[in-house]
């Protein structure tokens, strides 16, 4: 399934060791949290403290120094 190019990140959930990015078109991108060790080690409170930037094409955890781009998430394997 292909993600619409104009879709943006709406939110992120943390489910069973995975990050699940929920996009504006309803699509979900699932990534193993082990790919992001800083998030894997972070507390639940720190994980919830994210901000969306660049009109929803970037998600940032400022306190953890982590920034993820939607285009990178789409191509991650």
PDB file of N, CA and C in Angstrom:
ATOM      1  N   UNK A   1       0.843  -1.176   0.000  1.00  0.00           N
ATOM      2  CA  UNK A   1       0.000   0.000   0.000  1.00  0.00           C
ATOM      3  C   UNK A   1       0.890   1.241   0.000  1.00  0.00           C
ATOM      4  N   UNK A   2       0.509   2.220  -0.777  1.00  0.00           N
ATOM      5  CA  UNK A   2       1.296   3.445  -0.908  1.00  0.00           C
ATOM      6  C   UNK A   2       0.671   4.571  -0.089  1.00  0.00           C
ATOM      7  N   UNK A   3       1.510   5.313   0.636  1.00  0.00           N
ATOM      8  CA  UNK A   3       1.060   6.442   1.432  1.00  0.00           C
ATOM      9  C   UNK A   3       0.898   7.641   0.513  1.00  0.00           C
ATOM     10  N   UNK A   4      -0.199   8.379   0.673  1.00  0.00           N
ATOM     11  CA  UNK A   4      -0.384   9.595  -0.122  1.00  0.00           C
ATOM     12  C   UNK A   4       0.753  10.565   0.154  1.00  0.00           C
ATOM     13  N   UNK A   5       1.235  11.202  -0.906  1.00  0.00           N
ATOM     14  CA  UNK A   5       2.375  12.100  -0.739  1.00  0.00           C
ATOM     15  C   UNK A   5       2.027  13.347   0.058  1.00  0.00           C
ATOM     16  N   UNK A   6       0.751  13.728   0.106  1.00  0.00           N
ATOM     17  CA  UNK A   6       0.376  14.919   0.858  1.00  0.00           C
ATOM     18  C   UNK A   6      -0.097  14.600   2.275  1.00  0.00           C
ATOM     19  N   UNK A   7      -0.040  13.348   2.673  1.00  0.00           N
ATOM     20  CA  UNK A   7      -0.432  12.961   4.031  1.00  0.00           C
ATOM     21  C   UNK A   7       0.570  13.534   5.025  1.00  0.00           C
ATOM     22  N   UNK A   8       0.089  13.813   6.225  1.00  0.00           N
ATOM     23  CA  UNK A   8       0.937  14.338   7.293  1.00  0.00           C
ATOM     24  C   UNK A   8       0.751  13.483   8.545  1.00  0.00           C
ATOM     25  N   UNK A   9       1.672  13.615   9.471  1.00  0.00           N
ATOM     26  CA  UNK A   9       1.578  12.903  10.748  1.00  0.00           C
ATOM     27  C   UNK A   9       0.533  13.612  11.605  1.00  0.00           C
ATOM     28  N   UNK A  10      -0.392  12.852  12.162  1.00  0.00           N
ATOM     29  CA  UNK A  10      -1.383  13.404  13.096  1.00  0.00           C
ATOM     30  C   UNK A  10      -0.978  13.136  14.546  1.00  0.00           C
ATOM     31  N   UNK A  11      -0.499  11.917  14.790  1.00  0.00           N
ATOM     32  CA  UNK A  11      -0.081  11.540  16.141  1.00  0.00           C
ATOM     33  C   UNK A  11       0.765  10.283  16.049  1.00  0.00           C
ATOM     34  N   UNK A  12       1.268   9.862  17.183  1.00  0.00           N
ATOM     35  CA  UNK A  12       2.031   8.613  17.256  1.00  0.00           C
ATOM     36  C   UNK A  12       1.575   7.851  18.491  1.00  0.00           C
ATOM     37  N   UNK A  13       1.454   6.545  18.349  1.00  0.00           N
ATOM     38  CA  UNK A  13       1.136   5.653  19.467  1.00  0.00           C
ATOM     39  C   UNK A  13       2.322   4.730  19.687  1.00  0.00           C
ATOM     40  N   UNK A  14       2.425   4.202  20.877  1.00  0.00           N
ATOM     41  CA  UNK A  14       3.478   3.256  21.231  1.00  0.00           C
ATOM     42  C   UNK A  14       2.783   1.959  21.626  1.00  0.00           C
ATOM     43  N   UNK A  15       2.921   0.938  20.768  1.00  0.00           N
ATOM     44  CA  UNK A  15       2.163  -0.302  20.953  1.00  0.00           C
ATOM     45  C   UNK A  15       3.094  -1.504  20.815  1.00  0.00           C
ATOM     46  N   UNK A  16       3.191  -2.293  21.866  1.00  0.00           N
ATOM     47  CA  UNK A  16       3.951  -3.550  21.831  1.00  0.00           C
ATOM     48  C   UNK A  16       5.339  -3.404  21.212  1.00  0.00           C
ATOM     49  N   UNK A  17       6.095  -2.420  21.680  1.00  0.00           N
ATOM     50  CA  UNK A  17       7.457  -2.244  21.199  1.00  0.00           C
ATOM     51  C   UNK A  17       7.563  -1.610  19.822  1.00  0.00           C
ATOM     52  N   UNK A  18       6.493  -1.002  19.362  1.00  0.00           N
ATOM     53  CA  UNK A  18       6.495  -0.343  18.059  1.00  0.00           C
ATOM     54  C   UNK A  18       6.003   1.094  18.190  1.00  0.00           C
ATOM     55  N   UNK A  19       6.491   1.935  17.295  1.00  0.00           N
ATOM     56  CA  UNK A  19       5.932   3.265  17.110  1.00  0.00           C
ATOM     57  C   UNK A  19       4.942   3.134  15.969  1.00  0.00           C
ATOM     58  N   UNK A  20       3.752   3.666  16.172  1.00  0.00           N
ATOM     59  CA  UNK A  20       2.732   3.632  15.131  1.00  0.00           C
ATOM     60  C   UNK A  20       2.366   5.079  14.827  1.00  0.00           C
ATOM     61  N   UNK A  21       2.782   5.523  13.652  1.00  0.00           N
ATOM     62  CA  UNK A  21       2.515   6.888  13.215  1.00  0.00           C
ATOM     63  C   UNK A  21       1.179   6.892  12.483  1.00  0.00           C
ATOM     64  N   UNK A  22       0.237   7.690  12.970  1.00  0.00           N
ATOM     65  CA  UNK A  22      -1.072   7.775  12.351  1.00  0.00           C
ATOM     66  C   UNK A  22      -1.079   9.017  11.468  1.00  0.00           C
ATOM     67  N   UNK A  23      -1.376   8.796  10.194  1.00  0.00           N
ATOM     68  CA  UNK A  23      -1.308   9.869   9.214  1.00  0.00           C
ATOM     69  C   UNK A  23      -2.684  10.456   8.932  1.00  0.00           C
ATOM     70  N   UNK A  24      -2.680  11.623   8.335  1.00  0.00           N
ATOM     71  CA  UNK A  24      -3.922  12.342   8.061  1.00  0.00           C
ATOM     72  C   UNK A  24      -4.839  11.610   7.095  1.00  0.00           C
ATOM     73  N   UNK A  25      -4.303  10.709   6.289  1.00  0.00           N
ATOM     74  CA  UNK A  25      -5.134   9.947   5.350  1.00  0.00           C
ATOM     75  C   UNK A  25      -5.637   8.638   5.954  1.00  0.00           C
ATOM     76  N   UNK A  26      -5.379   8.436   7.265  1.00  0.00           N
ATOM     77  CA  UNK A  26      -5.823   7.231   7.946  1.00  0.00           C
ATOM     78  C   UNK A  26      -4.815   6.088   7.911  1.00  0.00           C
ATOM     79  N   UNK A  27      -3.803   6.221   7.089  1.00  0.00           N
ATOM     80  CA  UNK A  27      -2.776   5.192   6.990  1.00  0.00           C
ATOM     81  C   UNK A  27      -1.938   5.191   8.263  1.00  0.00           C
ATOM     82  N   UNK A  28      -1.380   4.043   8.607  1.00  0.00           N
ATOM     83  CA  UNK A  28      -0.516   3.902   9.786  1.00  0.00           C
ATOM     84  C   UNK A  28       0.830   3.355   9.342  1.00  0.00           C
ATOM     85  N   UNK A  29       1.867   4.003   9.804  1.00  0.00           N
ATOM     86  CA  UNK A  29       3.231   3.521   9.569  1.00  0.00           C
ATOM     87  C   UNK A  29       3.733   2.934  10.871  1.00  0.00           C
ATOM     88  N   UNK A  30       4.164   1.688  10.837  1.00  0.00           N
ATOM     89  CA  UNK A  30       4.610   0.989  12.044  1.00  0.00           C
ATOM     90  C   UNK A  30       6.107   0.743  11.937  1.00  0.00           C
ATOM     91  N   UNK A  31       6.836   1.146  12.977  1.00  0.00           N
ATOM     92  CA  UNK A  31       8.284   0.965  13.033  1.00  0.00           C
ATOM     93  C   UNK A  31       8.649   0.329  14.374  1.00  0.00           C
ATOM     94  N   UNK A  32       9.583  -0.612  14.380  1.00  0.00           N
ATOM     95  CA  UNK A  32      10.019  -1.174  15.667  1.00  0.00           C
ATOM     96  C   UNK A  32      10.742  -0.104  16.484  1.00  0.00           C
ATOM     97  N   UNK A  33      10.416  -0.025  17.752  1.00  0.00           N
ATOM     98  CA  UNK A  33      11.043   0.966  18.613  1.00  0.00           C
ATOM     99  C   UNK A  33      12.542   0.709  18.756  1.00  0.00           C
ATOM    100  N   UNK A  34      12.970  -0.521  18.547  1.00  0.00           N
ATOM    101  CA  UNK A  34      14.402  -0.839  18.638  1.00  0.00           C
ATOM    102  C   UNK A  34      15.216  -0.057  17.598  1.00  0.00           C
ATOM    103  N   UNK A  35      14.565   0.418  16.565  1.00  0.00           N
ATOM    104  CA  UNK A  35      15.239   1.238  15.553  1.00  0.00           C
ATOM    105  C   UNK A  35      15.611   2.612  16.118  1.00  0.00           C
ATOM    106  N   UNK A  36      14.939   3.001  17.204  1.00  0.00           N
ATOM    107  CA  UNK A  36      15.142   4.314  17.820  1.00  0.00           C
ATOM    108  C   UNK A  36      15.470   4.113  19.302  1.00  0.00           C
ATOM    109  N   UNK A  37      16.710   3.755  19.618  1.00  0.00           N
ATOM    110  CA  UNK A  37      17.080   3.407  21.000  1.00  0.00           C
ATOM    111  C   UNK A  37      16.758   4.494  22.022  1.00  0.00           C
ATOM    112  N   UNK A  38      16.886   5.745  21.639  1.00  0.00           N
ATOM    113  CA  UNK A  38      16.568   6.831  22.570  1.00  0.00           C
ATOM    114  C   UNK A  38      15.111   6.803  22.995  1.00  0.00           C
ATOM    115  N   UNK A  39      14.222   6.504  22.075  1.00  0.00           N
ATOM    116  CA  UNK A  39      12.803   6.378  22.415  1.00  0.00           C
ATOM    117  C   UNK A  39      12.537   5.099  23.190  1.00  0.00           C
ATOM    118  N   UNK A  40      13.230   4.032  22.841  1.00  0.00           N
ATOM    119  CA  UNK A  40      13.041   2.757  23.531  1.00  0.00           C
ATOM    120  C   UNK A  40      13.407   2.878  25.014  1.00  0.00           C
ATOM    121  N   UNK A  41      14.432   3.668  25.318  1.00  0.00           N
ATOM    122  CA  UNK A  41      14.879   3.844  26.710  1.00  0.00           C
ATOM    123  C   UNK A  41      14.085   4.898  27.464  1.00  0.00           C
ATOM    124  N   UNK A  42      13.367   5.742  26.750  1.00  0.00           N
ATOM    125  CA  UNK A  42      12.674   6.880  27.376  1.00  0.00           C
ATOM    126  C   UNK A  42      11.457   6.423  28.177  1.00  0.00           C
ATOM    127  N   UNK A  43      11.097   7.240  29.134  1.00  0.00           N
ATOM    128  CA  UNK A  43       9.885   6.975  29.915  1.00  0.00           C
ATOM    129  C   UNK A  43       8.657   7.224  29.038  1.00  0.00           C
ATOM    130  N   UNK A  44       7.539   6.688  29.475  1.00  0.00           N
ATOM    131  CA  UNK A  44       6.284   6.907  28.749  1.00  0.00           C
ATOM    132  C   UNK A  44       5.966   8.400  28.681  1.00  0.00           C
ATOM    133  N   UNK A  45       6.250   9.111  29.754  1.00  0.00           N
ATOM    134  CA  UNK A  45       6.002  10.554  29.784  1.00  0.00           C
ATOM    135  C   UNK A  45       6.854  11.278  28.738  1.00  0.00           C
ATOM    136  N   UNK A  46       8.124  10.918  28.639  1.00  0.00           N
ATOM    137  CA  UNK A  46       9.005  11.544  27.656  1.00  0.00           C
ATOM    138  C   UNK A  46       8.573  11.210  26.230  1.00  0.00           C
ATOM    139  N   UNK A  47       8.093  10.001  26.013  1.00  0.00           N
ATOM    140  CA  UNK A  47       7.615   9.605  24.678  1.00  0.00           C
ATOM    141  C   UNK A  47       6.397  10.412  24.249  1.00  0.00           C
ATOM    142  N   UNK A  48       5.540  10.738  25.220  1.00  0.00           N
ATOM    143  CA  UNK A  48       4.335  11.506  24.904  1.00  0.00           C
ATOM    144  C   UNK A  48       4.639  12.983  24.646  1.00  0.00           C
ATOM    145  N   UNK A  49       5.835  13.427  24.994  1.00  0.00           N
ATOM    146  CA  UNK A  49       6.198  14.840  24.867  1.00  0.00           C
ATOM    147  C   UNK A  49       6.806  15.136  23.497  1.00  0.00           C
ATOM    148  N   UNK A  50       6.046  14.871  22.450  1.00  0.00           N
ATOM    149  CA  UNK A  50       6.516  15.135  21.096  1.00  0.00           C
ATOM    150  C   UNK A  50       5.813  16.369  20.536  1.00  0.00           C
ATOM    151  N   UNK A  51       6.397  16.913  19.502  1.00  0.00           N
ATOM    152  CA  UNK A  51       5.797  18.041  18.796  1.00  0.00           C
ATOM    153  C   UNK A  51       5.845  17.756  17.301  1.00  0.00           C
ATOM    154  N   UNK A  52       4.818  18.189  16.611  1.00  0.00           N
ATOM    155  CA  UNK A  52       4.794  18.082  15.159  1.00  0.00           C
ATOM    156  C   UNK A  52       5.292  19.404  14.580  1.00  0.00           C
ATOM    157  N   UNK A  53       6.157  19.296  13.594  1.00  0.00           N
ATOM    158  CA  UNK A  53       6.724  20.484  12.948  1.00  0.00           C
ATOM    159  C   UNK A  53       6.595  20.348  11.439  1.00  0.00           C
ATOM    160  N   UNK A  54       6.930  21.404  10.754  1.00  0.00           N
ATOM    161  CA  UNK A  54       6.914  21.407   9.284  1.00  0.00           C
ATOM    162  C   UNK A  54       5.570  20.923   8.739  1.00  0.00           C
ATOM    163  N   UNK A  55       4.494  21.481   9.297  1.00  0.00           N
ATOM    164  CA  UNK A  55       3.136  21.135   8.847  1.00  0.00           C
ATOM    165  C   UNK A  55       2.847  19.642   8.947  1.00  0.00           C
ATOM    166  N   UNK A  56       3.398  18.988   9.959  1.00  0.00           N
ATOM    167  CA  UNK A  56       3.113  17.579  10.197  1.00  0.00           C
ATOM    168  C   UNK A  56       3.984  16.606   9.425  1.00  0.00           C
ATOM    169  N   UNK A  57       5.063  17.096   8.829  1.00  0.00           N
ATOM    170  CA  UNK A  57       5.961  16.190   8.115  1.00  0.00           C
ATOM    171  C   UNK A  57       7.187  15.831   8.949  1.00  0.00           C
ATOM    172  N   UNK A  58       7.270  16.373  10.142  1.00  0.00           N
ATOM    173  CA  UNK A  58       8.375  16.070  11.069  1.00  0.00           C
ATOM    174  C   UNK A  58       7.797  15.906  12.467  1.00  0.00           C
ATOM    175  N   UNK A  59       8.325  14.929  13.211  1.00  0.00           N
ATOM    176  CA  UNK A  59       7.946  14.733  14.610  1.00  0.00           C
ATOM    177  C   UNK A  59       9.221  14.814  15.436  1.00  0.00           C
ATOM    178  N   UNK A  60       9.140  15.566  16.535  1.00  0.00           N
ATOM    179  CA  UNK A  60      10.336  15.885  17.323  1.00  0.00           C
ATOM    180  C   UNK A  60      10.078  15.605  18.799  1.00  0.00           C
ATOM    181  N   UNK A  61      11.054  14.981  19.421  1.00  0.00           N
ATOM    182  CA  UNK A  61      11.105  14.834  20.878  1.00  0.00           C
ATOM    183  C   UNK A  61      12.280  15.697  21.325  1.00  0.00           C
ATOM    184  N   UNK A  62      12.016  16.953  21.628  1.00  0.00           N
ATOM    185  CA  UNK A  62      13.095  17.906  21.934  1.00  0.00           C
ATOM    186  C   UNK A  62      13.912  17.470  23.142  1.00  0.00           C
ATOM    187  N   UNK A  63      13.256  16.974  24.177  1.00  0.00           N
ATOM    188  CA  UNK A  63      13.985  16.590  25.391  1.00  0.00           C
ATOM    189  C   UNK A  63      14.892  15.386  25.158  1.00  0.00           C
ATOM    190  N   UNK A  64      14.609  14.607  24.110  1.00  0.00           N
ATOM    191  CA  UNK A  64      15.422  13.428  23.807  1.00  0.00           C
ATOM    192  C   UNK A  64      16.390  13.669  22.651  1.00  0.00           C
ATOM    193  N   UNK A  65      16.266  14.832  22.000  1.00  0.00           N
ATOM    194  CA  UNK A  65      17.136  15.128  20.866  1.00  0.00           C
ATOM    195  C   UNK A  65      16.844  14.258  19.653  1.00  0.00           C
ATOM    196  N   UNK A  66      15.564  13.884  19.467  1.00  0.00           N
ATOM    197  CA  UNK A  66      15.186  12.998  18.361  1.00  0.00           C
ATOM    198  C   UNK A  66      14.264  13.747  17.411  1.00  0.00           C
ATOM    199  N   UNK A  67      14.581  13.654  16.120  1.00  0.00           N
ATOM    200  CA  UNK A  67      13.759  14.275  15.079  1.00  0.00           C
ATOM    201  C   UNK A  67      13.601  13.276  13.937  1.00  0.00           C
ATOM    202  N   UNK A  68      12.370  12.987  13.572  1.00  0.00           N
ATOM    203  CA  UNK A  68      12.088  12.050  12.486  1.00  0.00           C
ATOM    204  C   UNK A  68      11.284  12.746  11.403  1.00  0.00           C
ATOM    205  N   UNK A  69      11.680  12.507  10.173  1.00  0.00           N
ATOM    206  CA  UNK A  69      11.005  13.088   9.014  1.00  0.00           C
ATOM    207  C   UNK A  69      10.063  12.047   8.409  1.00  0.00           C
ATOM    208  N   UNK A  70       8.885  12.467   7.995  1.00  0.00           N
ATOM    209  CA  UNK A  70       7.904  11.558   7.416  1.00  0.00           C
ATOM    210  C   UNK A  70       8.478  10.854   6.177  1.00  0.00           C
ATOM    211  N   UNK A  71       9.181  11.555   5.351  1.00  0.00           N
ATOM    212  CA  UNK A  71       9.754  10.922   4.150  1.00  0.00           C
ATOM    213  C   UNK A  71      10.708   9.781   4.513  1.00  0.00           C
ATOM    214  N   UNK A  72      11.467   9.945   5.592  1.00  0.00           N
ATOM    215  CA  UNK A  72      12.363   8.886   6.048  1.00  0.00           C
ATOM    216  C   UNK A  72      11.566   7.698   6.590  1.00  0.00           C
ATOM    217  N   UNK A  73      10.486   7.970   7.292  1.00  0.00           N
ATOM    218  CA  UNK A  73       9.652   6.885   7.832  1.00  0.00           C
ATOM    219  C   UNK A  73       9.005   6.085   6.723  1.00  0.00           C
ATOM    220  N   UNK A  74       8.636   6.741   5.650  1.00  0.00           N
ATOM    221  CA  UNK A  74       8.006   6.052   4.518  1.00  0.00           C
ATOM    222  C   UNK A  74       8.946   5.063   3.850  1.00  0.00           C
ATOM    223  N   UNK A  75      10.227   5.367   3.839  1.00  0.00           N
ATOM    224  CA  UNK A  75      11.180   4.515   3.127  1.00  0.00           C
ATOM    225  C   UNK A  75      11.951   3.567   4.045  1.00  0.00           C
ATOM    226  N   UNK A  76      11.767   3.695   5.368  1.00  0.00           N
ATOM    227  CA  UNK A  76      12.490   2.828   6.320  1.00  0.00           C
ATOM    228  C   UNK A  76      12.025   1.386   6.176  1.00  0.00           C
ATOM    229  N   UNK A  77      12.970   0.477   6.261  1.00  0.00           N
ATOM    230  CA  UNK A  77      12.654  -0.960   6.170  1.00  0.00           C
ATOM    231  C   UNK A  77      13.202  -1.664   7.375  1.00  0.00           C
TER     232      UNK A  77
END
